[in-house]
Amino acid sequence: QVKVRVVSENRTGLLAAISNTISAQGVNIDGGRITTSRDNRAVQTFELAIPDRKHLDAVMRSVSKVKGVLSVERVRS
């Protein structure tokens, strides 16, 4: 179980694009939390079932290439 935070523009269809990108990597989204701000930003925190670090890096790289994504980082709690 890994938490990943994605900061993006707040626009229609972007959450779907991000979740589709994660799913296309063969990763299950076990949970998620989305918040938005007045400056047209969205923060999505996903709980992902990822087998290893190499797979995590690939998922994060893929998500960072989605148009409108500003940053992707692992959240350590």
N, C-alpha and C. Protein backbone atom coordinates (compact mmCIF):
# COMPACT_ATOMS: atom_id res chain seq x y z
N GLN A 1 0.85 -1.18 0.00
CA GLN A 1 0.00 0.00 0.00
C GLN A 1 0.89 1.23 0.00
N VAL A 2 0.68 2.09 -1.01
CA VAL A 2 1.47 3.31 -1.15
C VAL A 2 0.52 4.48 -1.36
N LYS A 3 0.83 5.61 -0.72
CA LYS A 3 0.05 6.83 -0.96
C LYS A 3 0.80 7.72 -1.93
N VAL A 4 0.05 8.23 -2.92
CA VAL A 4 0.62 9.12 -3.92
C VAL A 4 -0.26 10.37 -3.99
N ARG A 5 0.39 11.54 -3.96
CA ARG A 5 -0.33 12.81 -4.07
C ARG A 5 -0.09 13.41 -5.45
N VAL A 6 -1.19 13.78 -6.09
CA VAL A 6 -1.14 14.40 -7.41
C VAL A 6 -1.76 15.79 -7.30
N VAL A 7 -1.02 16.79 -7.70
CA VAL A 7 -1.54 18.16 -7.76
C VAL A 7 -1.75 18.48 -9.24
N SER A 8 -2.93 18.98 -9.54
CA SER A 8 -3.27 19.23 -10.94
C SER A 8 -4.16 20.45 -11.08
N GLU A 9 -4.41 20.78 -12.34
CA GLU A 9 -5.45 21.76 -12.63
C GLU A 9 -6.78 21.14 -12.21
N ASN A 10 -7.75 21.97 -11.91
CA ASN A 10 -9.09 21.49 -11.59
C ASN A 10 -9.95 21.67 -12.83
N ARG A 11 -10.03 20.59 -13.64
CA ARG A 11 -10.83 20.68 -14.85
C ARG A 11 -11.59 19.38 -15.09
N THR A 12 -12.65 19.47 -15.83
CA THR A 12 -13.50 18.32 -16.12
C THR A 12 -12.71 17.23 -16.83
N GLY A 13 -12.84 16.00 -16.34
CA GLY A 13 -12.23 14.84 -16.98
C GLY A 13 -10.83 14.51 -16.52
N LEU A 14 -10.20 15.40 -15.76
CA LEU A 14 -8.81 15.15 -15.38
C LEU A 14 -8.69 14.02 -14.37
N LEU A 15 -9.60 13.94 -13.42
CA LEU A 15 -9.57 12.83 -12.46
C LEU A 15 -9.72 11.50 -13.20
N ALA A 16 -10.60 11.44 -14.18
CA ALA A 16 -10.79 10.21 -14.97
C ALA A 16 -9.50 9.87 -15.72
N ALA A 17 -8.86 10.86 -16.30
CA ALA A 17 -7.61 10.62 -17.04
C ALA A 17 -6.52 10.08 -16.12
N ILE A 18 -6.43 10.63 -14.91
CA ILE A 18 -5.42 10.17 -13.95
C ILE A 18 -5.73 8.75 -13.51
N SER A 19 -6.97 8.47 -13.14
CA SER A 19 -7.31 7.13 -12.67
C SER A 19 -7.17 6.10 -13.80
N ASN A 20 -7.49 6.48 -15.03
CA ASN A 20 -7.29 5.57 -16.17
C ASN A 20 -5.82 5.27 -16.40
N THR A 21 -4.98 6.26 -16.22
CA THR A 21 -3.53 6.09 -16.38
C THR A 21 -2.99 5.12 -15.32
N ILE A 22 -3.47 5.27 -14.09
CA ILE A 22 -3.04 4.37 -13.02
C ILE A 22 -3.51 2.95 -13.33
N SER A 23 -4.76 2.80 -13.71
CA SER A 23 -5.31 1.47 -14.02
C SER A 23 -4.61 0.82 -15.20
N ALA A 24 -4.23 1.61 -16.20
CA ALA A 24 -3.53 1.08 -17.37
C ALA A 24 -2.18 0.47 -17.01
N GLN A 25 -1.64 0.86 -15.87
CA GLN A 25 -0.37 0.31 -15.39
C GLN A 25 -0.59 -1.00 -14.60
N GLY A 26 -1.86 -1.42 -14.52
CA GLY A 26 -2.17 -2.66 -13.80
C GLY A 26 -2.21 -2.49 -12.29
N VAL A 27 -2.47 -1.26 -11.85
CA VAL A 27 -2.47 -0.95 -10.42
C VAL A 27 -3.89 -0.67 -9.96
N ASN A 28 -4.26 -1.24 -8.83
CA ASN A 28 -5.58 -1.02 -8.25
C ASN A 28 -5.55 0.21 -7.34
N ILE A 29 -6.57 1.04 -7.46
CA ILE A 29 -6.73 2.19 -6.56
C ILE A 29 -7.60 1.73 -5.40
N ASP A 30 -6.99 1.60 -4.22
CA ASP A 30 -7.71 1.11 -3.04
C ASP A 30 -8.46 2.22 -2.30
N GLY A 31 -8.09 3.46 -2.55
CA GLY A 31 -8.77 4.57 -1.89
C GLY A 31 -8.30 5.88 -2.49
N GLY A 32 -9.05 6.92 -2.21
CA GLY A 32 -8.66 8.22 -2.73
C GLY A 32 -9.38 9.35 -2.02
N ARG A 33 -8.75 10.51 -2.07
CA ARG A 33 -9.32 11.72 -1.49
C ARG A 33 -8.98 12.87 -2.42
N ILE A 34 -9.99 13.65 -2.76
CA ILE A 34 -9.79 14.76 -3.68
C ILE A 34 -10.27 16.05 -3.02
N THR A 35 -9.44 17.08 -3.08
CA THR A 35 -9.84 18.40 -2.60
C THR A 35 -9.52 19.40 -3.70
N THR A 36 -10.26 20.49 -3.71
CA THR A 36 -10.01 21.55 -4.68
C THR A 36 -9.81 22.88 -3.95
N SER A 37 -9.19 23.81 -4.64
CA SER A 37 -8.94 25.12 -4.04
C SER A 37 -9.49 26.21 -4.95
N ARG A 38 -9.53 27.40 -4.45
CA ARG A 38 -10.06 28.53 -5.22
C ARG A 38 -9.14 28.95 -6.35
N ASP A 39 -7.88 28.55 -6.30
CA ASP A 39 -6.95 28.92 -7.36
C ASP A 39 -6.93 27.90 -8.51
N ASN A 40 -8.05 27.17 -8.66
CA ASN A 40 -8.24 26.23 -9.76
C ASN A 40 -7.26 25.06 -9.71
N ARG A 41 -6.94 24.60 -8.50
CA ARG A 41 -6.06 23.45 -8.32
C ARG A 41 -6.85 22.32 -7.65
N ALA A 42 -6.45 21.10 -7.95
CA ALA A 42 -7.03 19.93 -7.29
C ALA A 42 -5.88 19.12 -6.71
N VAL A 43 -6.10 18.57 -5.53
CA VAL A 43 -5.12 17.69 -4.89
C VAL A 43 -5.79 16.34 -4.70
N GLN A 44 -5.23 15.34 -5.35
CA GLN A 44 -5.75 13.98 -5.24
C GLN A 44 -4.73 13.14 -4.50
N THR A 45 -5.18 12.45 -3.46
CA THR A 45 -4.32 11.53 -2.74
C THR A 45 -4.89 10.14 -2.94
N PHE A 46 -4.10 9.27 -3.55
CA PHE A 46 -4.53 7.91 -3.86
C PHE A 46 -3.80 6.91 -3.00
N GLU A 47 -4.50 5.86 -2.58
CA GLU A 47 -3.88 4.70 -1.94
C GLU A 47 -3.83 3.62 -3.01
N LEU A 48 -2.61 3.20 -3.34
CA LEU A 48 -2.41 2.28 -4.44
C LEU A 48 -1.79 0.97 -3.96
N ALA A 49 -2.22 -0.12 -4.57
CA ALA A 49 -1.63 -1.44 -4.30
C ALA A 49 -0.54 -1.66 -5.33
N ILE A 50 0.70 -1.39 -4.95
CA ILE A 50 1.84 -1.48 -5.88
C ILE A 50 2.85 -2.49 -5.32
N PRO A 51 3.29 -3.42 -6.17
CA PRO A 51 4.17 -4.50 -5.69
C PRO A 51 5.60 -4.09 -5.35
N ASP A 52 6.15 -3.09 -6.06
CA ASP A 52 7.55 -2.74 -5.80
C ASP A 52 7.85 -1.31 -6.25
N ARG A 53 9.03 -0.84 -5.91
CA ARG A 53 9.45 0.53 -6.17
C ARG A 53 9.53 0.83 -7.68
N LYS A 54 9.99 -0.14 -8.45
CA LYS A 54 10.11 0.05 -9.90
C LYS A 54 8.74 0.33 -10.52
N HIS A 55 7.74 -0.41 -10.08
CA HIS A 55 6.37 -0.23 -10.58
C HIS A 55 5.83 1.14 -10.14
N LEU A 56 6.12 1.52 -8.91
CA LEU A 56 5.70 2.83 -8.40
C LEU A 56 6.30 3.95 -9.26
N ASP A 57 7.59 3.85 -9.56
CA ASP A 57 8.23 4.87 -10.38
C ASP A 57 7.57 4.97 -11.75
N ALA A 58 7.23 3.83 -12.35
CA ALA A 58 6.59 3.82 -13.66
C ALA A 58 5.21 4.49 -13.60
N VAL A 59 4.45 4.20 -12.56
CA VAL A 59 3.12 4.80 -12.40
C VAL A 59 3.25 6.30 -12.23
N MET A 60 4.16 6.73 -11.39
CA MET A 60 4.33 8.17 -11.15
C MET A 60 4.78 8.89 -12.41
N ARG A 61 5.66 8.29 -13.19
CA ARG A 61 6.09 8.89 -14.46
C ARG A 61 4.91 9.02 -15.42
N SER A 62 4.10 7.98 -15.52
CA SER A 62 2.95 8.00 -16.42
C SER A 62 1.95 9.07 -16.02
N VAL A 63 1.66 9.16 -14.73
CA VAL A 63 0.70 10.16 -14.24
C VAL A 63 1.24 11.57 -14.48
N SER A 64 2.53 11.76 -14.30
CA SER A 64 3.10 13.11 -14.49
C SER A 64 2.99 13.58 -15.93
N LYS A 65 2.81 12.67 -16.88
CA LYS A 65 2.68 13.04 -18.30
C LYS A 65 1.26 13.40 -18.71
N VAL A 66 0.29 13.19 -17.81
CA VAL A 66 -1.10 13.54 -18.12
C VAL A 66 -1.22 15.06 -18.18
N LYS A 67 -1.81 15.56 -19.26
CA LYS A 67 -1.94 17.01 -19.44
C LYS A 67 -2.76 17.61 -18.29
N GLY A 68 -2.20 18.61 -17.63
CA GLY A 68 -2.87 19.26 -16.51
C GLY A 68 -2.31 18.86 -15.16
N VAL A 69 -1.51 17.79 -15.12
CA VAL A 69 -0.88 17.37 -13.86
C VAL A 69 0.33 18.25 -13.61
N LEU A 70 0.41 18.81 -12.41
CA LEU A 70 1.49 19.73 -12.06
C LEU A 70 2.60 19.05 -11.26
N SER A 71 2.23 18.09 -10.40
CA SER A 71 3.23 17.36 -9.63
C SER A 71 2.67 16.02 -9.15
N VAL A 72 3.60 15.08 -8.95
CA VAL A 72 3.27 13.75 -8.44
C VAL A 72 4.33 13.39 -7.42
N GLU A 73 3.90 12.99 -6.22
CA GLU A 73 4.88 12.61 -5.20
C GLU A 73 4.33 11.52 -4.31
N ARG A 74 5.26 10.72 -3.77
CA ARG A 74 4.88 9.70 -2.80
C ARG A 74 4.69 10.37 -1.46
N VAL A 75 3.65 9.95 -0.74
CA VAL A 75 3.40 10.49 0.58
C VAL A 75 3.82 9.45 1.60
N ARG A 76 4.73 9.84 2.45
CA ARG A 76 5.18 8.93 3.52
C ARG A 76 4.54 9.39 4.81
N SER A 77 3.86 8.45 5.46
CA SER A 77 3.17 8.85 6.70
C SER A 77 3.67 8.10 7.90
